[in-house]
Amino acid sequence: MNSSDALRGDGLRLGYHGSVVVESASVRLLPGQVTALVGPNGSGKSTVLRALARLHHPIAGTVSLPDVPDALTLSAKDFARRVTLLSQSRPTPTGVSVRDVVGYGRHPYRGRWRQNDLDGPRAIEWAMTVTGVDTMSERGVDELSGGELQRVWLATCLAQETGVLLLDEPTTYLDLRYQVEILDLVRDLADEHRVAVGVVLHDLDQAAAVADHLVLLSRGEVVGSGLPHEVLTAEALTETYGIRVDVVRDARTGRVHTRPVGRHTHRPAARVRECADLHLAEDSPRA
C-alpha cells in the first residue's frame, strides 16, 4: 500500500451466508481527509465499512495499514489502537455517566484492572471537549437527547486516539442542527487533527459538502470514485438510483448540489400561489 494511506481495502469480496453482496471494492483512507461512501440502500456501503473495521471478514481481498499488509494479523487490542468505528446504533447503558461512557474508549490501553493507562484522563477530557459534551460529563447518558448521545458515542471513539475514524451513518435520526454539528466536527477532526475519516452517508449534498473523496456504490460494486464533482454527475446518479437526479455545481464555491426529480418536483407556480392564497384566507381574521 502507499505509505501515505492510513487504512486501505483492496479487492474486497464480501458476503453473507454464502451470498456475495460486494464484489472487488477498493477504498483508500488518507490522513487529514474525509472519504464518504454513498449509494442506494443495499449497495454495500456499511458492509464495506465493517470490513475496514475488521467486523466483517472478507471472502477475498485485503485490509491493510501502512506497516501491516494484512491487518487481520493484528490483535484486537492493537487494531483498536489504530482504527475505531462508530456504528449505526449502540445500546444505551442505564445509570452510567457521560464521563464513564467516554472512558470506554480507553479499553485498548487498559490492563485487566483498568491500570497502566496514564494518558487516559487527558484523552477523555480532550474527547469530551472536542465534541462539546464536557459540560454534561456527570449526567447519565440515559437522560440525553439523541443528538447529545450521538456526540457522546463520538467522544468515546475519539478517546481511543486512533488515526482512523469510521462512521456508519452518523447523522441518521438527528435533527438538522445536530446533523450540521456532527459533520462540522468530522471536518475539524480531519483538518485540525489529521484523522483519516471514512463515513457512510445517505444525503448526497452532505457528502459533497464534508468529503474530500467520494466512493459511489451500486449493487455491491464501486461505480465511481474521486472528487465530489467527478462522482456526483447527473448521469451516474440517475443510473445508480433509478430516478432522474439533476446536479448543479455552484460557480462560486465549486460545491455540488443534487436534486432528485419526482412526479411533483416541478409543481406549477400558479398551483403553489393558489395554495398559499388559500392558507392566507384561512388565517385571516373573520368579521
C-alpha atoms as a PDB file:
ATOM      1  CA  MET A   1       0.000   0.000   0.000  1.00  0.00           C
ATOM      2  CA  ASN A   2       1.035   3.621  -0.420  1.00  0.00           C
ATOM      3  CA  SER A   3       2.898   4.823   2.681  1.00  0.00           C
ATOM      4  CA  SER A   4       0.617   7.876   2.813  1.00  0.00           C
ATOM      5  CA  ASP A   5      -2.513   5.723   3.283  1.00  0.00           C
ATOM      6  CA  ALA A   6      -3.905   5.420   6.795  1.00  0.00           C
ATOM      7  CA  LEU A   7      -6.128   2.419   6.008  1.00  0.00           C
ATOM      8  CA  ARG A   8      -6.856   0.601   2.786  1.00  0.00           C
ATOM      9  CA  GLY A   9      -9.163  -2.108   1.497  1.00  0.00           C
ATOM     10  CA  ASP A  10      -8.255  -3.729  -1.826  1.00  0.00           C
ATOM     11  CA  GLY A  11     -10.366  -6.052  -3.960  1.00  0.00           C
ATOM     12  CA  LEU A  12     -12.841  -6.712  -1.164  1.00  0.00           C
ATOM     13  CA  ARG A  13     -15.293  -9.505  -1.890  1.00  0.00           C
ATOM     14  CA  LEU A  14     -17.867  -9.657   0.884  1.00  0.00           C
ATOM     15  CA  GLY A  15     -20.916 -11.765   1.554  1.00  0.00           C
ATOM     16  CA  TYR A  16     -23.462 -13.136   3.990  1.00  0.00           C
ATOM     17  CA  HIS A  17     -24.455 -16.794   4.326  1.00  0.00           C
ATOM     18  CA  GLY A  18     -22.902 -17.792   1.023  1.00  0.00           C
ATOM     19  CA  SER A  19     -24.302 -14.856  -0.987  1.00  0.00           C
ATOM     20  CA  VAL A  20     -21.859 -12.258  -2.317  1.00  0.00           C
ATOM     21  CA  VAL A  21     -23.061  -8.687  -1.684  1.00  0.00           C
ATOM     22  CA  VAL A  22     -19.885  -6.725  -2.528  1.00  0.00           C
ATOM     23  CA  GLU A  23     -17.532  -7.521  -5.372  1.00  0.00           C
ATOM     24  CA  SER A  24     -13.970  -6.167  -5.871  1.00  0.00           C
ATOM     25  CA  ALA A  25     -14.408  -2.971  -3.824  1.00  0.00           C
ATOM     26  CA  SER A  26     -11.318  -0.885  -3.073  1.00  0.00           C
ATOM     27  CA  VAL A  27     -11.217   2.082  -0.692  1.00  0.00           C
ATOM     28  CA  ARG A  28      -8.329   4.275   0.478  1.00  0.00           C
ATOM     29  CA  LEU A  29      -8.429   6.460   3.576  1.00  0.00           C
ATOM     30  CA  LEU A  30      -5.839   9.220   3.863  1.00  0.00           C
ATOM     31  CA  PRO A  31      -4.688  11.211   6.913  1.00  0.00           C
ATOM     32  CA  GLY A  32      -6.421  14.570   7.116  1.00  0.00           C
ATOM     33  CA  GLN A  33      -9.090  13.636   4.573  1.00  0.00           C
ATOM     34  CA  VAL A  34     -12.732  12.587   4.704  1.00  0.00           C
ATOM     35  CA  THR A  35     -13.838   9.778   2.395  1.00  0.00           C
ATOM     36  CA  ALA A  36     -17.602   9.309   2.081  1.00  0.00           C
ATOM     37  CA  LEU A  37     -19.254   6.096   0.888  1.00  0.00           C
ATOM     38  CA  VAL A  38     -22.580   6.798  -0.802  1.00  0.00           C
ATOM     39  CA  GLY A  39     -25.150   4.809  -2.724  1.00  0.00           C
ATOM     40  CA  PRO A  40     -28.667   3.354  -2.528  1.00  0.00           C
ATOM     41  CA  ASN A  41     -29.912   1.090   0.227  1.00  0.00           C
ATOM     42  CA  GLY A  42     -28.382  -2.358  -0.139  1.00  0.00           C
ATOM     43  CA  SER A  43     -25.453  -1.138  -2.239  1.00  0.00           C
ATOM     44  CA  GLY A  44     -22.881  -2.434   0.266  1.00  0.00           C
ATOM     45  CA  LYS A  45     -21.711   0.800   1.914  1.00  0.00           C
ATOM     46  CA  SER A  46     -21.979  -0.349   5.522  1.00  0.00           C
ATOM     47  CA  THR A  47     -20.650  -3.812   4.682  1.00  0.00           C
ATOM     48  CA  VAL A  48     -17.502  -2.276   3.198  1.00  0.00           C
ATOM     49  CA  LEU A  49     -17.082  -0.041   6.254  1.00  0.00           C
ATOM     50  CA  ARG A  50     -17.471  -3.016   8.588  1.00  0.00           C
ATOM     51  CA  ALA A  51     -14.862  -4.904   6.576  1.00  0.00           C
ATOM     52  CA  LEU A  52     -12.439  -2.000   7.010  1.00  0.00           C
ATOM     53  CA  ALA A  53     -13.153  -2.195  10.749  1.00  0.00           C
ATOM     54  CA  ARG A  54     -12.462  -5.980  10.713  1.00  0.00           C
ATOM     55  CA  LEU A  55     -16.033  -6.719  11.791  1.00  0.00           C
ATOM     56  CA  HIS A  56     -16.789  -8.478   8.516  1.00  0.00           C
ATOM     57  CA  HIS A  57     -14.234 -10.999   7.283  1.00  0.00           C
ATOM     58  CA  PRO A  58     -13.681 -10.714   3.512  1.00  0.00           C
ATOM     59  CA  ILE A  59     -14.105 -13.711   1.223  1.00  0.00           C
ATOM     60  CA  ALA A  60     -11.264 -12.227  -0.823  1.00  0.00           C
ATOM     61  CA  GLY A  61      -9.179  -9.075  -0.768  1.00  0.00           C
ATOM     62  CA  THR A  62      -7.115  -7.390   1.918  1.00  0.00           C
ATOM     63  CA  VAL A  63      -7.366  -4.732   4.602  1.00  0.00           C
ATOM     64  CA  SER A  64      -4.016  -3.102   5.287  1.00  0.00           C
ATOM     65  CA  LEU A  65      -2.364  -0.444   7.422  1.00  0.00           C
ATOM     66  CA  PRO A  66       0.822   1.440   6.486  1.00  0.00           C
ATOM     67  CA  ASP A  67       3.166  -1.069   8.116  1.00  0.00           C
ATOM     68  CA  VAL A  68       0.826  -4.071   8.242  1.00  0.00           C
ATOM     69  CA  PRO A  69      -0.012  -5.618   4.836  1.00  0.00           C
ATOM     70  CA  ASP A  70      -2.655  -7.818   6.440  1.00  0.00           C
ATOM     71  CA  ALA A  71      -4.477  -6.023   9.259  1.00  0.00           C
ATOM     72  CA  LEU A  72      -6.193  -9.278  10.235  1.00  0.00           C
ATOM     73  CA  THR A  73      -2.893 -10.397  11.762  1.00  0.00           C
ATOM     74  CA  LEU A  74      -3.072  -7.718  14.453  1.00  0.00           C
ATOM     75  CA  SER A  75      -4.554  -8.490  17.834  1.00  0.00           C
ATOM     76  CA  ALA A  76      -7.925  -6.915  18.567  1.00  0.00           C
ATOM     77  CA  LYS A  77      -6.331  -4.553  21.077  1.00  0.00           C
ATOM     78  CA  ASP A  78      -3.555  -3.438  18.706  1.00  0.00           C
ATOM     79  CA  PHE A  79      -6.048  -2.838  15.897  1.00  0.00           C
ATOM     80  CA  ALA A  80      -8.316  -0.840  18.238  1.00  0.00           C
ATOM     81  CA  ARG A  81      -5.400   1.493  18.991  1.00  0.00           C
ATOM     82  CA  ARG A  82      -5.307   2.407  15.303  1.00  0.00           C
ATOM     83  CA  VAL A  83      -8.874   2.147  13.980  1.00  0.00           C
ATOM     84  CA  THR A  84     -12.223   2.879  15.626  1.00  0.00           C
ATOM     85  CA  LEU A  85     -15.807   2.562  14.387  1.00  0.00           C
ATOM     86  CA  LEU A  86     -18.954   4.461  15.332  1.00  0.00           C
ATOM     87  CA  SER A  87     -21.683   2.017  14.322  1.00  0.00           C
ATOM     88  CA  GLN A  88     -25.262   2.929  13.423  1.00  0.00           C
ATOM     89  CA  SER A  89     -26.696   2.044  16.822  1.00  0.00           C
ATOM     90  CA  ARG A  90     -25.426   1.137  20.254  1.00  0.00           C
ATOM     91  CA  PRO A  91     -27.353   0.112  23.372  1.00  0.00           C
ATOM     92  CA  THR A  92     -27.699   2.981  25.824  1.00  0.00           C
ATOM     93  CA  PRO A  93     -26.404   1.981  29.256  1.00  0.00           C
ATOM     94  CA  THR A  94     -28.509   2.865  32.291  1.00  0.00           C
ATOM     95  CA  GLY A  95     -27.108   4.688  35.298  1.00  0.00           C
ATOM     96  CA  VAL A  96     -23.742   5.428  33.665  1.00  0.00           C
ATOM     97  CA  SER A  97     -22.300   8.929  33.393  1.00  0.00           C
ATOM     98  CA  VAL A  98     -21.119  10.577  30.205  1.00  0.00           C
ATOM     99  CA  ARG A  99     -17.551  10.589  31.517  1.00  0.00           C
ATOM    100  CA  ASP A 100     -17.628   6.854  32.195  1.00  0.00           C
ATOM    101  CA  VAL A 101     -19.061   6.071  28.756  1.00  0.00           C
ATOM    102  CA  VAL A 102     -16.374   8.158  27.065  1.00  0.00           C
ATOM    103  CA  GLY A 103     -13.891   6.242  29.195  1.00  0.00           C
ATOM    104  CA  TYR A 104     -14.978   3.043  27.466  1.00  0.00           C
ATOM    105  CA  GLY A 105     -12.892   4.260  24.540  1.00  0.00           C
ATOM    106  CA  ARG A 106      -9.742   3.675  26.534  1.00  0.00           C
ATOM    107  CA  HIS A 107     -10.201  -0.111  26.632  1.00  0.00           C
ATOM    108  CA  PRO A 108      -7.306  -0.838  24.194  1.00  0.00           C
ATOM    109  CA  TYR A 109      -4.866   0.867  26.568  1.00  0.00           C
ATOM    110  CA  ARG A 110      -6.007  -0.536  29.875  1.00  0.00           C
ATOM    111  CA  GLY A 111      -4.773  -3.574  31.700  1.00  0.00           C
ATOM    112  CA  ARG A 112      -7.018  -6.169  33.251  1.00  0.00           C
ATOM    113  CA  TRP A 113      -7.930  -3.945  36.187  1.00  0.00           C
ATOM    114  CA  ARG A 114      -8.058  -0.654  34.227  1.00  0.00           C
ATOM    115  CA  GLN A 115      -4.455   0.052  35.091  1.00  0.00           C
ATOM    116  CA  ASN A 116      -1.453   1.347  33.170  1.00  0.00           C
ATOM    117  CA  ASP A 117      -3.416   3.937  31.172  1.00  0.00           C
ATOM    118  CA  LEU A 118      -1.595   7.064  32.295  1.00  0.00           C
ATOM    119  CA  ASP A 119      -2.854   9.071  29.294  1.00  0.00           C
ATOM    120  CA  GLY A 120      -6.464   8.083  29.903  1.00  0.00           C
ATOM    121  CA  PRO A 121      -7.682  11.118  31.907  1.00  0.00           C
ATOM    122  CA  ARG A 122      -6.168  13.554  29.399  1.00  0.00           C
ATOM    123  CA  ALA A 123      -7.612  11.691  26.401  1.00  0.00           C
ATOM    124  CA  ILE A 124     -11.079  11.545  27.953  1.00  0.00           C
ATOM    125  CA  GLU A 125     -11.081  15.271  28.748  1.00  0.00           C
ATOM    126  CA  TRP A 126      -9.878  16.099  25.237  1.00  0.00           C
ATOM    127  CA  ALA A 127     -12.537  13.920  23.611  1.00  0.00           C
ATOM    128  CA  MET A 128     -15.320  15.464  25.687  1.00  0.00           C
ATOM    129  CA  THR A 129     -14.106  18.987  24.986  1.00  0.00           C
ATOM    130  CA  VAL A 130     -13.766  18.466  21.233  1.00  0.00           C
ATOM    131  CA  THR A 131     -17.280  17.036  20.963  1.00  0.00           C
ATOM    132  CA  GLY A 132     -18.802  19.607  23.337  1.00  0.00           C
ATOM    133  CA  VAL A 133     -20.054  17.115  25.930  1.00  0.00           C
ATOM    134  CA  ASP A 134     -17.705  18.209  28.706  1.00  0.00           C
ATOM    135  CA  THR A 135     -20.449  20.350  30.313  1.00  0.00           C
ATOM    136  CA  MET A 136     -22.627  17.258  30.755  1.00  0.00           C
ATOM    137  CA  SER A 137     -19.853  14.914  31.914  1.00  0.00           C
ATOM    138  CA  GLU A 138     -21.605  13.876  35.143  1.00  0.00           C
ATOM    139  CA  ARG A 139     -25.059  13.406  33.639  1.00  0.00           C
ATOM    140  CA  GLY A 140     -26.392   9.946  32.975  1.00  0.00           C
ATOM    141  CA  VAL A 141     -26.336   9.041  29.303  1.00  0.00           C
ATOM    142  CA  ASP A 142     -29.899   7.720  29.583  1.00  0.00           C
ATOM    143  CA  GLU A 143     -31.009  11.324  30.246  1.00  0.00           C
ATOM    144  CA  LEU A 144     -29.647  12.689  26.961  1.00  0.00           C
ATOM    145  CA  SER A 145     -31.327  13.529  23.675  1.00  0.00           C
ATOM    146  CA  GLY A 146     -30.472  11.577  20.545  1.00  0.00           C
ATOM    147  CA  GLY A 147     -28.133  14.286  19.271  1.00  0.00           C
ATOM    148  CA  GLU A 148     -26.354  14.602  22.600  1.00  0.00           C
ATOM    149  CA  LEU A 149     -25.960  10.845  22.870  1.00  0.00           C
ATOM    150  CA  GLN A 150     -24.512  10.642  19.365  1.00  0.00           C
ATOM    151  CA  ARG A 151     -21.858  13.162  20.350  1.00  0.00           C
ATOM    152  CA  VAL A 152     -21.065  11.123  23.455  1.00  0.00           C
ATOM    153  CA  TRP A 153     -20.523   7.995  21.357  1.00  0.00           C
ATOM    154  CA  LEU A 154     -18.326  10.003  19.017  1.00  0.00           C
ATOM    155  CA  ALA A 155     -16.336  11.213  22.026  1.00  0.00           C
ATOM    156  CA  THR A 156     -15.936   7.574  23.071  1.00  0.00           C
ATOM    157  CA  CYS A 157     -14.395   6.820  19.673  1.00  0.00           C
ATOM    158  CA  LEU A 158     -12.104   9.848  19.895  1.00  0.00           C
ATOM    159  CA  ALA A 159     -10.902   8.793  23.337  1.00  0.00           C
ATOM    160  CA  GLN A 160      -9.316   5.787  21.618  1.00  0.00           C
ATOM    161  CA  GLU A 161      -6.960   8.285  19.941  1.00  0.00           C
ATOM    162  CA  THR A 162      -6.765   6.371  16.693  1.00  0.00           C
ATOM    163  CA  GLY A 163      -5.559   7.754  13.391  1.00  0.00           C
ATOM    164  CA  VAL A 164      -8.571   6.292  11.587  1.00  0.00           C
ATOM    165  CA  LEU A 165     -12.216   7.006  12.400  1.00  0.00           C
ATOM    166  CA  LEU A 166     -15.018   5.058  10.681  1.00  0.00           C
ATOM    167  CA  LEU A 167     -18.594   6.379  10.932  1.00  0.00           C
ATOM    168  CA  ASP A 168     -21.667   4.473   9.778  1.00  0.00           C
ATOM    169  CA  GLU A 169     -24.477   6.948   9.011  1.00  0.00           C
ATOM    170  CA  PRO A 170     -23.675   9.241  11.979  1.00  0.00           C
ATOM    171  CA  THR A 171     -26.440  11.745  11.118  1.00  0.00           C
ATOM    172  CA  THR A 172     -29.321   9.250  10.991  1.00  0.00           C
ATOM    173  CA  TYR A 173     -32.264  10.207  13.260  1.00  0.00           C
ATOM    174  CA  LEU A 174     -30.675  13.546  14.141  1.00  0.00           C
ATOM    175  CA  ASP A 175     -32.389  16.876  13.588  1.00  0.00           C
ATOM    176  CA  LEU A 176     -30.844  19.469  11.293  1.00  0.00           C
ATOM    177  CA  ARG A 177     -28.804  21.209  13.982  1.00  0.00           C
ATOM    178  CA  TYR A 178     -27.122  18.048  15.211  1.00  0.00           C
ATOM    179  CA  GLN A 179     -26.524  16.809  11.668  1.00  0.00           C
ATOM    180  CA  VAL A 180     -24.604  20.004  10.928  1.00  0.00           C
ATOM    181  CA  GLU A 181     -22.702  19.848  14.222  1.00  0.00           C
ATOM    182  CA  ILE A 182     -21.626  16.234  13.695  1.00  0.00           C
ATOM    183  CA  LEU A 183     -20.438  16.910  10.135  1.00  0.00           C
ATOM    184  CA  ASP A 184     -18.614  20.078  11.219  1.00  0.00           C
ATOM    185  CA  LEU A 185     -16.843  18.034  13.879  1.00  0.00           C
ATOM    186  CA  VAL A 186     -15.911  15.365  11.338  1.00  0.00           C
ATOM    187  CA  ARG A 187     -14.373  18.061   9.153  1.00  0.00           C
ATOM    188  CA  ASP A 188     -12.496  19.520  12.151  1.00  0.00           C
ATOM    189  CA  LEU A 189     -11.045  16.118  13.035  1.00  0.00           C
ATOM    190  CA  ALA A 190      -9.616  15.775   9.548  1.00  0.00           C
ATOM    191  CA  ASP A 191      -8.404  19.358   9.179  1.00  0.00           C
ATOM    192  CA  GLU A 192      -7.071  20.042  12.664  1.00  0.00           C
ATOM    193  CA  HIS A 193      -6.110  16.597  13.954  1.00  0.00           C
ATOM    194  CA  ARG A 194      -5.133  14.801  10.715  1.00  0.00           C
ATOM    195  CA  VAL A 195      -7.562  11.959  11.363  1.00  0.00           C
ATOM    196  CA  ALA A 196      -8.408   9.776   8.366  1.00  0.00           C
ATOM    197  CA  VAL A 197     -12.195   9.593   8.277  1.00  0.00           C
ATOM    198  CA  GLY A 198     -14.346   7.077   6.408  1.00  0.00           C
ATOM    199  CA  VAL A 199     -18.058   7.831   6.635  1.00  0.00           C
ATOM    200  CA  VAL A 200     -21.219   6.279   5.199  1.00  0.00           C
ATOM    201  CA  LEU A 201     -23.831   8.910   4.311  1.00  0.00           C
ATOM    202  CA  HIS A 202     -27.191   8.806   2.570  1.00  0.00           C
ATOM    203  CA  ASP A 203     -27.527  12.544   1.974  1.00  0.00           C
ATOM    204  CA  LEU A 204     -25.565  13.288  -1.205  1.00  0.00           C
ATOM    205  CA  ASP A 205     -25.359  17.028  -0.562  1.00  0.00           C
ATOM    206  CA  GLN A 206     -23.981  16.419   2.922  1.00  0.00           C
ATOM    207  CA  ALA A 207     -21.430  14.023   1.471  1.00  0.00           C
ATOM    208  CA  ALA A 208     -20.392  16.559  -1.172  1.00  0.00           C
ATOM    209  CA  ALA A 209     -20.043  19.258   1.484  1.00  0.00           C
ATOM    210  CA  VAL A 210     -17.977  17.327   4.028  1.00  0.00           C
ATOM    211  CA  ALA A 211     -15.894  14.892   1.962  1.00  0.00           C
ATOM    212  CA  ASP A 212     -12.637  15.265   0.054  1.00  0.00           C
ATOM    213  CA  HIS A 213     -13.244  11.994  -1.762  1.00  0.00           C
ATOM    214  CA  LEU A 214     -16.404  10.061  -2.630  1.00  0.00           C
ATOM    215  CA  VAL A 215     -16.935   6.367  -3.340  1.00  0.00           C
ATOM    216  CA  LEU A 216     -20.241   5.602  -5.085  1.00  0.00           C
ATOM    217  CA  LEU A 217     -21.525   2.038  -4.775  1.00  0.00           C
ATOM    218  CA  SER A 218     -24.326   0.317  -6.641  1.00  0.00           C
ATOM    219  CA  ARG A 219     -25.378  -3.322  -6.249  1.00  0.00           C
ATOM    220  CA  GLY A 220     -22.182  -4.147  -4.394  1.00  0.00           C
ATOM    221  CA  GLU A 221     -19.779  -2.590  -6.871  1.00  0.00           C
ATOM    222  CA  VAL A 222     -17.833   0.667  -6.865  1.00  0.00           C
ATOM    223  CA  VAL A 223     -19.203   2.609  -9.842  1.00  0.00           C
ATOM    224  CA  GLY A 224     -17.473   5.913  -9.102  1.00  0.00           C
ATOM    225  CA  SER A 225     -14.517   7.138  -7.064  1.00  0.00           C
ATOM    226  CA  GLY A 226     -12.959  10.592  -6.957  1.00  0.00           C
ATOM    227  CA  LEU A 227     -13.680  14.212  -6.112  1.00  0.00           C
ATOM    228  CA  PRO A 228     -17.334  15.008  -5.316  1.00  0.00           C
ATOM    229  CA  HIS A 229     -17.971  16.825  -8.605  1.00  0.00           C
ATOM    230  CA  GLU A 230     -16.404  13.941 -10.526  1.00  0.00           C
ATOM    231  CA  VAL A 231     -18.564  11.285  -8.879  1.00  0.00           C
ATOM    232  CA  LEU A 232     -21.868  13.099  -8.406  1.00  0.00           C
ATOM    233  CA  THR A 233     -22.877  13.576 -12.019  1.00  0.00           C
ATOM    234  CA  ALA A 234     -26.462  13.550 -13.249  1.00  0.00           C
ATOM    235  CA  GLU A 235     -25.763  10.573 -15.483  1.00  0.00           C
ATOM    236  CA  ALA A 236     -24.126   8.460 -12.769  1.00  0.00           C
ATOM    237  CA  LEU A 237     -26.728   9.242 -10.108  1.00  0.00           C
ATOM    238  CA  THR A 238     -29.686   8.726 -12.438  1.00  0.00           C
ATOM    239  CA  GLU A 239     -28.302   5.337 -13.402  1.00  0.00           C
ATOM    240  CA  THR A 240     -27.418   4.359  -9.828  1.00  0.00           C
ATOM    241  CA  TYR A 241     -30.634   5.428  -8.097  1.00  0.00           C
ATOM    242  CA  GLY A 242     -33.053   4.618 -10.901  1.00  0.00           C
ATOM    243  CA  ILE A 243     -34.620   8.061 -10.765  1.00  0.00           C
ATOM    244  CA  ARG A 244     -33.766  11.277 -12.540  1.00  0.00           C
ATOM    245  CA  VAL A 245     -31.291  13.297 -10.490  1.00  0.00           C
ATOM    246  CA  ASP A 246     -30.334  16.820 -11.529  1.00  0.00           C
ATOM    247  CA  VAL A 247     -26.919  18.102 -10.472  1.00  0.00           C
ATOM    248  CA  VAL A 248     -25.817  21.734 -10.192  1.00  0.00           C
ATOM    249  CA  ARG A 249     -22.326  22.927  -9.346  1.00  0.00           C
ATOM    250  CA  ASP A 250     -22.053  26.278  -7.591  1.00  0.00           C
ATOM    251  CA  ALA A 251     -19.867  28.520  -9.734  1.00  0.00           C
ATOM    252  CA  ARG A 252     -18.555  30.396  -6.699  1.00  0.00           C
ATOM    253  CA  THR A 253     -17.799  27.569  -4.258  1.00  0.00           C
ATOM    254  CA  GLY A 254     -17.500  24.644  -6.672  1.00  0.00           C
ATOM    255  CA  ARG A 255     -19.793  22.645  -4.407  1.00  0.00           C
ATOM    256  CA  VAL A 256     -22.173  20.110  -5.934  1.00  0.00           C
ATOM    257  CA  HIS A 257     -25.915  20.151  -5.207  1.00  0.00           C
ATOM    258  CA  THR A 258     -28.215  17.307  -6.206  1.00  0.00           C
ATOM    259  CA  ARG A 259     -31.956  17.283  -6.789  1.00  0.00           C
ATOM    260  CA  PRO A 260     -33.937  14.072  -7.244  1.00  0.00           C
ATOM    261  CA  VAL A 261     -36.814  14.696  -9.634  1.00  0.00           C
ATOM    262  CA  GLY A 262     -40.153  13.111  -8.788  1.00  0.00           C
ATOM    263  CA  ARG A 263     -43.559  13.459 -10.416  1.00  0.00           C
ATOM    264  CA  HIS A 264     -44.395  16.510  -8.283  1.00  0.00           C
ATOM    265  CA  THR A 265     -40.960  18.130  -8.119  1.00  0.00           C
ATOM    266  CA  HIS A 266     -41.834  20.823 -10.642  1.00  0.00           C
ATOM    267  CA  ARG A 267     -45.220  21.956  -9.386  1.00  0.00           C
ATOM    268  CA  PRO A 268     -46.703  24.777 -11.472  1.00  0.00           C
ATOM    269  CA  ALA A 269     -46.101  28.168  -9.889  1.00  0.00           C
ATOM    270  CA  ALA A 270     -49.800  29.011 -10.279  1.00  0.00           C
ATOM    271  CA  ARG A 271     -50.737  25.992  -8.133  1.00  0.00           C
ATOM    272  CA  VAL A 272     -48.197  26.974  -5.453  1.00  0.00           C
ATOM    273  CA  ARG A 273     -49.636  30.515  -5.335  1.00  0.00           C
ATOM    274  CA  GLU A 274     -53.174  29.094  -5.179  1.00  0.00           C
ATOM    275  CA  CYS A 275     -52.258  27.010  -2.112  1.00  0.00           C
ATOM    276  CA  ALA A 276     -50.567  29.997  -0.477  1.00  0.00           C
ATOM    277  CA  ASP A 277     -53.619  32.206  -1.078  1.00  0.00           C
ATOM    278  CA  LEU A 278     -55.862  29.518   0.412  1.00  0.00           C
ATOM    279  CA  HIS A 279     -53.773  29.379   3.602  1.00  0.00           C
ATOM    280  CA  LEU A 280     -53.791  33.170   3.881  1.00  0.00           C
ATOM    281  CA  ALA A 281     -57.542  33.192   3.538  1.00  0.00           C
ATOM    282  CA  GLU A 282     -57.944  30.566   6.240  1.00  0.00           C
ATOM    283  CA  ASP A 283     -55.654  32.502   8.609  1.00  0.00           C
ATOM    284  CA  SER A 284     -57.334  35.875   8.043  1.00  0.00           C
ATOM    285  CA  PRO A 285     -59.488  37.149  10.945  1.00  0.00           C
ATOM    286  CA  ARG A 286     -63.199  36.809  10.241  1.00  0.00           C
ATOM    287  CA  ALA A 287     -65.577  39.705  10.718  1.00  0.00           C
END
